[in-house]
Amino acid sequence: MANSVQVSSENLVEILDAIYYINEAMKIAESYDPKAFELLSQAKESLVDYLISQVKDYE
């Protein structure tokens, strides 16, 4: 059971990293490409929703 929790924790860290990099890309896209900004926003929202669902499963 500890291994599955550890793998899930690593997965959550990867998701947090992805959200960080999406935020960085959004800062650039906001000025240059509204469509890219919108797609990045949707991706971030999706990852945040997934992250929340995973954290709720641990409770």
PDB file of N, CA and C in Angstrom:
ATOM      1  N   MET A   1       0.823  -1.191   0.000  1.00  0.00           N
ATOM      2  CA  MET A   1       0.000   0.000   0.000  1.00  0.00           C
ATOM      3  C   MET A   1       0.866   1.253   0.000  1.00  0.00           C
ATOM      4  N   ALA A   2       1.987   1.232   0.702  1.00  0.00           N
ATOM      5  CA  ALA A   2       2.870   2.398   0.753  1.00  0.00           C
ATOM      6  C   ALA A   2       3.397   2.750  -0.629  1.00  0.00           C
ATOM      7  N   ASN A   3       3.670   1.746  -1.458  1.00  0.00           N
ATOM      8  CA  ASN A   3       4.161   2.019  -2.810  1.00  0.00           C
ATOM      9  C   ASN A   3       3.134   2.763  -3.647  1.00  0.00           C
ATOM     10  N   SER A   4       1.857   2.384  -3.538  1.00  0.00           N
ATOM     11  CA  SER A   4       0.830   3.066  -4.326  1.00  0.00           C
ATOM     12  C   SER A   4       0.672   4.513  -3.885  1.00  0.00           C
ATOM     13  N   VAL A   5       0.817   4.771  -2.590  1.00  0.00           N
ATOM     14  CA  VAL A   5       0.750   6.143  -2.094  1.00  0.00           C
ATOM     15  C   VAL A   5       1.942   6.934  -2.602  1.00  0.00           C
ATOM     16  N   GLN A   6       3.131   6.318  -2.599  1.00  0.00           N
ATOM     17  CA  GLN A   6       4.329   7.003  -3.074  1.00  0.00           C
ATOM     18  C   GLN A   6       4.211   7.326  -4.562  1.00  0.00           C
ATOM     19  N   VAL A   7       3.739   6.393  -5.353  1.00  0.00           N
ATOM     20  CA  VAL A   7       3.567   6.637  -6.785  1.00  0.00           C
ATOM     21  C   VAL A   7       2.555   7.753  -6.995  1.00  0.00           C
ATOM     22  N   SER A   8       1.475   7.730  -6.252  1.00  0.00           N
ATOM     23  CA  SER A   8       0.472   8.779  -6.371  1.00  0.00           C
ATOM     24  C   SER A   8       1.050  10.128  -5.979  1.00  0.00           C
ATOM     25  N   SER A   9       1.886  10.157  -4.948  1.00  0.00           N
ATOM     26  CA  SER A   9       2.515  11.404  -4.531  1.00  0.00           C
ATOM     27  C   SER A   9       3.421  11.943  -5.628  1.00  0.00           C
ATOM     28  N   GLU A  10       4.175  11.058  -6.270  1.00  0.00           N
ATOM     29  CA  GLU A  10       5.034  11.486  -7.381  1.00  0.00           C
ATOM     30  C   GLU A  10       4.178  12.027  -8.523  1.00  0.00           C
ATOM     31  N   ASN A  11       3.062  11.377  -8.780  1.00  0.00           N
ATOM     32  CA  ASN A  11       2.143  11.835  -9.819  1.00  0.00           C
ATOM     33  C   ASN A  11       1.616  13.230  -9.486  1.00  0.00           C
ATOM     34  N   LEU A  12       1.278  13.456  -8.231  1.00  0.00           N
ATOM     35  CA  LEU A  12       0.771  14.761  -7.822  1.00  0.00           C
ATOM     36  C   LEU A  12       1.833  15.841  -7.982  1.00  0.00           C
ATOM     37  N   VAL A  13       3.076  15.520  -7.687  1.00  0.00           N
ATOM     38  CA  VAL A  13       4.168  16.479  -7.869  1.00  0.00           C
ATOM     39  C   VAL A  13       4.316  16.817  -9.350  1.00  0.00           C
ATOM     40  N   GLU A  14       4.198  15.819 -10.212  1.00  0.00           N
ATOM     41  CA  GLU A  14       4.276  16.066 -11.654  1.00  0.00           C
ATOM     42  C   GLU A  14       3.142  16.978 -12.112  1.00  0.00           C
ATOM     43  N   ILE A  15       1.966  16.791 -11.557  1.00  0.00           N
ATOM     44  CA  ILE A  15       0.832  17.645 -11.909  1.00  0.00           C
ATOM     45  C   ILE A  15       1.084  19.077 -11.449  1.00  0.00           C
ATOM     46  N   LEU A  16       1.607  19.236 -10.241  1.00  0.00           N
ATOM     47  CA  LEU A  16       1.935  20.581  -9.751  1.00  0.00           C
ATOM     48  C   LEU A  16       2.980  21.244 -10.639  1.00  0.00           C
ATOM     49  N   ASP A  17       3.978  20.487 -11.064  1.00  0.00           N
ATOM     50  CA  ASP A  17       4.987  21.022 -11.990  1.00  0.00           C
ATOM     51  C   ASP A  17       4.331  21.473 -13.292  1.00  0.00           C
ATOM     52  N   ALA A  18       3.438  20.658 -13.815  1.00  0.00           N
ATOM     53  CA  ALA A  18       2.764  21.001 -15.068  1.00  0.00           C
ATOM     54  C   ALA A  18       1.948  22.277 -14.916  1.00  0.00           C
ATOM     55  N   ILE A  19       1.257  22.417 -13.790  1.00  0.00           N
ATOM     56  CA  ILE A  19       0.480  23.635 -13.542  1.00  0.00           C
ATOM     57  C   ILE A  19       1.401  24.846 -13.488  1.00  0.00           C
ATOM     58  N   TYR A  20       2.545  24.703 -12.850  1.00  0.00           N
ATOM     59  CA  TYR A  20       3.514  25.801 -12.789  1.00  0.00           C
ATOM     60  C   TYR A  20       3.952  26.216 -14.196  1.00  0.00           C
ATOM     61  N   TYR A  21       4.323  25.252 -15.021  1.00  0.00           N
ATOM     62  CA  TYR A  21       4.801  25.572 -16.367  1.00  0.00           C
ATOM     63  C   TYR A  21       3.684  26.131 -17.252  1.00  0.00           C
ATOM     64  N   ILE A  22       2.469  25.664 -17.048  1.00  0.00           N
ATOM     65  CA  ILE A  22       1.341  26.243 -17.780  1.00  0.00           C
ATOM     66  C   ILE A  22       1.163  27.705 -17.378  1.00  0.00           C
ATOM     67  N   ASN A  23       1.273  27.999 -16.080  1.00  0.00           N
ATOM     68  CA  ASN A  23       1.172  29.391 -15.630  1.00  0.00           C
ATOM     69  C   ASN A  23       2.239  30.257 -16.276  1.00  0.00           C
ATOM     70  N   GLU A  24       3.451  29.745 -16.365  1.00  0.00           N
ATOM     71  CA  GLU A  24       4.540  30.499 -16.997  1.00  0.00           C
ATOM     72  C   GLU A  24       4.234  30.739 -18.476  1.00  0.00           C
ATOM     73  N   ALA A  25       3.727  29.720 -19.153  1.00  0.00           N
ATOM     74  CA  ALA A  25       3.377  29.868 -20.567  1.00  0.00           C
ATOM     75  C   ALA A  25       2.220  30.849 -20.745  1.00  0.00           C
ATOM     76  N   MET A  26       1.298  30.850 -19.799  1.00  0.00           N
ATOM     77  CA  MET A  26       0.165  31.768 -19.870  1.00  0.00           C
ATOM     78  C   MET A  26       0.628  33.218 -19.800  1.00  0.00           C
ATOM     79  N   LYS A  27       1.652  33.487 -19.005  1.00  0.00           N
ATOM     80  CA  LYS A  27       2.183  34.850 -18.900  1.00  0.00           C
ATOM     81  C   LYS A  27       2.661  35.345 -20.262  1.00  0.00           C
ATOM     82  N   ILE A  28       3.261  34.466 -21.032  1.00  0.00           N
ATOM     83  CA  ILE A  28       3.765  34.828 -22.362  1.00  0.00           C
ATOM     84  C   ILE A  28       2.611  34.899 -23.362  1.00  0.00           C
ATOM     85  N   ALA A  29       1.766  33.902 -23.367  1.00  0.00           N
ATOM     86  CA  ALA A  29       0.687  33.814 -24.357  1.00  0.00           C
ATOM     87  C   ALA A  29      -0.339  34.926 -24.189  1.00  0.00           C
ATOM     88  N   GLU A  30      -0.506  35.410 -22.972  1.00  0.00           N
ATOM     89  CA  GLU A  30      -1.503  36.443 -22.711  1.00  0.00           C
ATOM     90  C   GLU A  30      -1.286  37.664 -23.612  1.00  0.00           C
ATOM     91  N   SER A  31      -0.047  38.032 -23.833  1.00  0.00           N
ATOM     92  CA  SER A  31       0.272  39.221 -24.632  1.00  0.00           C
ATOM     93  C   SER A  31       0.256  38.963 -26.133  1.00  0.00           C
ATOM     94  N   TYR A  32       0.500  37.730 -26.544  1.00  0.00           N
ATOM     95  CA  TYR A  32       0.737  37.461 -27.959  1.00  0.00           C
ATOM     96  C   TYR A  32      -0.335  36.647 -28.660  1.00  0.00           C
ATOM     97  N   ASP A  33      -0.975  35.742 -27.944  1.00  0.00           N
ATOM     98  CA  ASP A  33      -1.882  34.810 -28.621  1.00  0.00           C
ATOM     99  C   ASP A  33      -3.074  34.471 -27.723  1.00  0.00           C
ATOM    100  N   PRO A  34      -4.185  35.187 -27.897  1.00  0.00           N
ATOM    101  CA  PRO A  34      -5.360  34.951 -27.046  1.00  0.00           C
ATOM    102  C   PRO A  34      -5.883  33.514 -27.108  1.00  0.00           C
ATOM    103  N   LYS A  35      -5.811  32.885 -28.287  1.00  0.00           N
ATOM    104  CA  LYS A  35      -6.300  31.506 -28.415  1.00  0.00           C
ATOM    105  C   LYS A  35      -5.422  30.546 -27.606  1.00  0.00           C
ATOM    106  N   ALA A  36      -4.114  30.721 -27.697  1.00  0.00           N
ATOM    107  CA  ALA A  36      -3.198  29.884 -26.912  1.00  0.00           C
ATOM    108  C   ALA A  36      -3.433  30.103 -25.426  1.00  0.00           C
ATOM    109  N   PHE A  37      -3.665  31.353 -25.043  1.00  0.00           N
ATOM    110  CA  PHE A  37      -3.937  31.660 -23.638  1.00  0.00           C
ATOM    111  C   PHE A  37      -5.189  30.927 -23.166  1.00  0.00           C
ATOM    112  N   GLU A  38      -6.233  30.941 -23.988  1.00  0.00           N
ATOM    113  CA  GLU A  38      -7.478  30.256 -23.638  1.00  0.00           C
ATOM    114  C   GLU A  38      -7.266  28.746 -23.505  1.00  0.00           C
ATOM    115  N   LEU A  39      -6.530  28.159 -24.428  1.00  0.00           N
ATOM    116  CA  LEU A  39      -6.259  26.716 -24.361  1.00  0.00           C
ATOM    117  C   LEU A  39      -5.432  26.363 -23.131  1.00  0.00           C
ATOM    118  N   LEU A  40      -4.447  27.187 -22.821  1.00  0.00           N
ATOM    119  CA  LEU A  40      -3.642  26.959 -21.616  1.00  0.00           C
ATOM    120  C   LEU A  40      -4.496  27.093 -20.360  1.00  0.00           C
ATOM    121  N   SER A  41      -5.406  28.060 -20.358  1.00  0.00           N
ATOM    122  CA  SER A  41      -6.305  28.233 -19.212  1.00  0.00           C
ATOM    123  C   SER A  41      -7.163  26.993 -19.006  1.00  0.00           C
ATOM    124  N   GLN A  42      -7.681  26.453 -20.101  1.00  0.00           N
ATOM    125  CA  GLN A  42      -8.495  25.239 -20.009  1.00  0.00           C
ATOM    126  C   GLN A  42      -7.672  24.057 -19.504  1.00  0.00           C
ATOM    127  N   ALA A  43      -6.451  23.946 -19.985  1.00  0.00           N
ATOM    128  CA  ALA A  43      -5.576  22.855 -19.537  1.00  0.00           C
ATOM    129  C   ALA A  43      -5.288  22.984 -18.050  1.00  0.00           C
ATOM    130  N   LYS A  44      -5.016  24.206 -17.610  1.00  0.00           N
ATOM    131  CA  LYS A  44      -4.731  24.426 -16.192  1.00  0.00           C
ATOM    132  C   LYS A  44      -5.945  24.084 -15.340  1.00  0.00           C
ATOM    133  N   GLU A  45      -7.121  24.534 -15.761  1.00  0.00           N
ATOM    134  CA  GLU A  45      -8.342  24.227 -15.018  1.00  0.00           C
ATOM    135  C   GLU A  45      -8.563  22.722 -14.919  1.00  0.00           C
ATOM    136  N   SER A  46      -8.315  22.027 -16.003  1.00  0.00           N
ATOM    137  CA  SER A  46      -8.479  20.579 -16.019  1.00  0.00           C
ATOM    138  C   SER A  46      -7.518  19.903 -15.039  1.00  0.00           C
ATOM    139  N   LEU A  47      -6.266  20.340 -15.047  1.00  0.00           N
ATOM    140  CA  LEU A  47      -5.283  19.763 -14.119  1.00  0.00           C
ATOM    141  C   LEU A  47      -5.616  20.093 -12.669  1.00  0.00           C
ATOM    142  N   VAL A  48      -6.074  21.303 -12.416  1.00  0.00           N
ATOM    143  CA  VAL A  48      -6.448  21.682 -11.051  1.00  0.00           C
ATOM    144  C   VAL A  48      -7.626  20.834 -10.585  1.00  0.00           C
ATOM    145  N   ASP A  49      -8.621  20.652 -11.446  1.00  0.00           N
ATOM    146  CA  ASP A  49      -9.764  19.799 -11.092  1.00  0.00           C
ATOM    147  C   ASP A  49      -9.312  18.373 -10.793  1.00  0.00           C
ATOM    148  N   TYR A  50      -8.409  17.846 -11.623  1.00  0.00           N
ATOM    149  CA  TYR A  50      -7.887  16.499 -11.401  1.00  0.00           C
ATOM    150  C   TYR A  50      -7.122  16.429 -10.078  1.00  0.00           C
ATOM    151  N   LEU A  51      -6.303  17.425  -9.818  1.00  0.00           N
ATOM    152  CA  LEU A  51      -5.529  17.464  -8.578  1.00  0.00           C
ATOM    153  C   LEU A  51      -6.454  17.477  -7.365  1.00  0.00           C
ATOM    154  N   ILE A  52      -7.489  18.291  -7.415  1.00  0.00           N
ATOM    155  CA  ILE A  52      -8.452  18.356  -6.315  1.00  0.00           C
ATOM    156  C   ILE A  52      -9.124  17.005  -6.113  1.00  0.00           C
ATOM    157  N   SER A  53      -9.512  16.356  -7.194  1.00  0.00           N
ATOM    158  CA  SER A  53     -10.172  15.053  -7.068  1.00  0.00           C
ATOM    159  C   SER A  53      -9.235  14.016  -6.457  1.00  0.00           C
ATOM    160  N   GLN A  54      -7.950  14.075  -6.803  1.00  0.00           N
ATOM    161  CA  GLN A  54      -6.988  13.128  -6.250  1.00  0.00           C
ATOM    162  C   GLN A  54      -6.758  13.374  -4.761  1.00  0.00           C
ATOM    163  N   VAL A  55      -6.698  14.630  -4.378  1.00  0.00           N
ATOM    164  CA  VAL A  55      -6.490  14.962  -2.964  1.00  0.00           C
ATOM    165  C   VAL A  55      -7.710  14.547  -2.151  1.00  0.00           C
ATOM    166  N   LYS A  56      -8.903  14.754  -2.687  1.00  0.00           N
ATOM    167  CA  LYS A  56     -10.121  14.342  -1.986  1.00  0.00           C
ATOM    168  C   LYS A  56     -10.153  12.837  -1.775  1.00  0.00           C
ATOM    169  N   ASP A  57      -9.616  12.069  -2.722  1.00  0.00           N
ATOM    170  CA  ASP A  57      -9.590  10.613  -2.591  1.00  0.00           C
ATOM    171  C   ASP A  57      -8.721  10.162  -1.424  1.00  0.00           C
ATOM    172  N   TYR A  58      -7.721  10.977  -1.032  1.00  0.00           N
ATOM    173  CA  TYR A  58      -6.840  10.613   0.076  1.00  0.00           C
ATOM    174  C   TYR A  58      -7.505  10.808   1.426  1.00  0.00           C
ATOM    175  N   GLU A  59      -8.505  11.676   1.475  1.00  0.00           N
ATOM    176  CA  GLU A  59      -9.141  11.987   2.760  1.00  0.00           C
ATOM    177  C   GLU A  59      -9.999  10.869   3.268  1.00  0.00           C
TER     178      GLU A  59
END
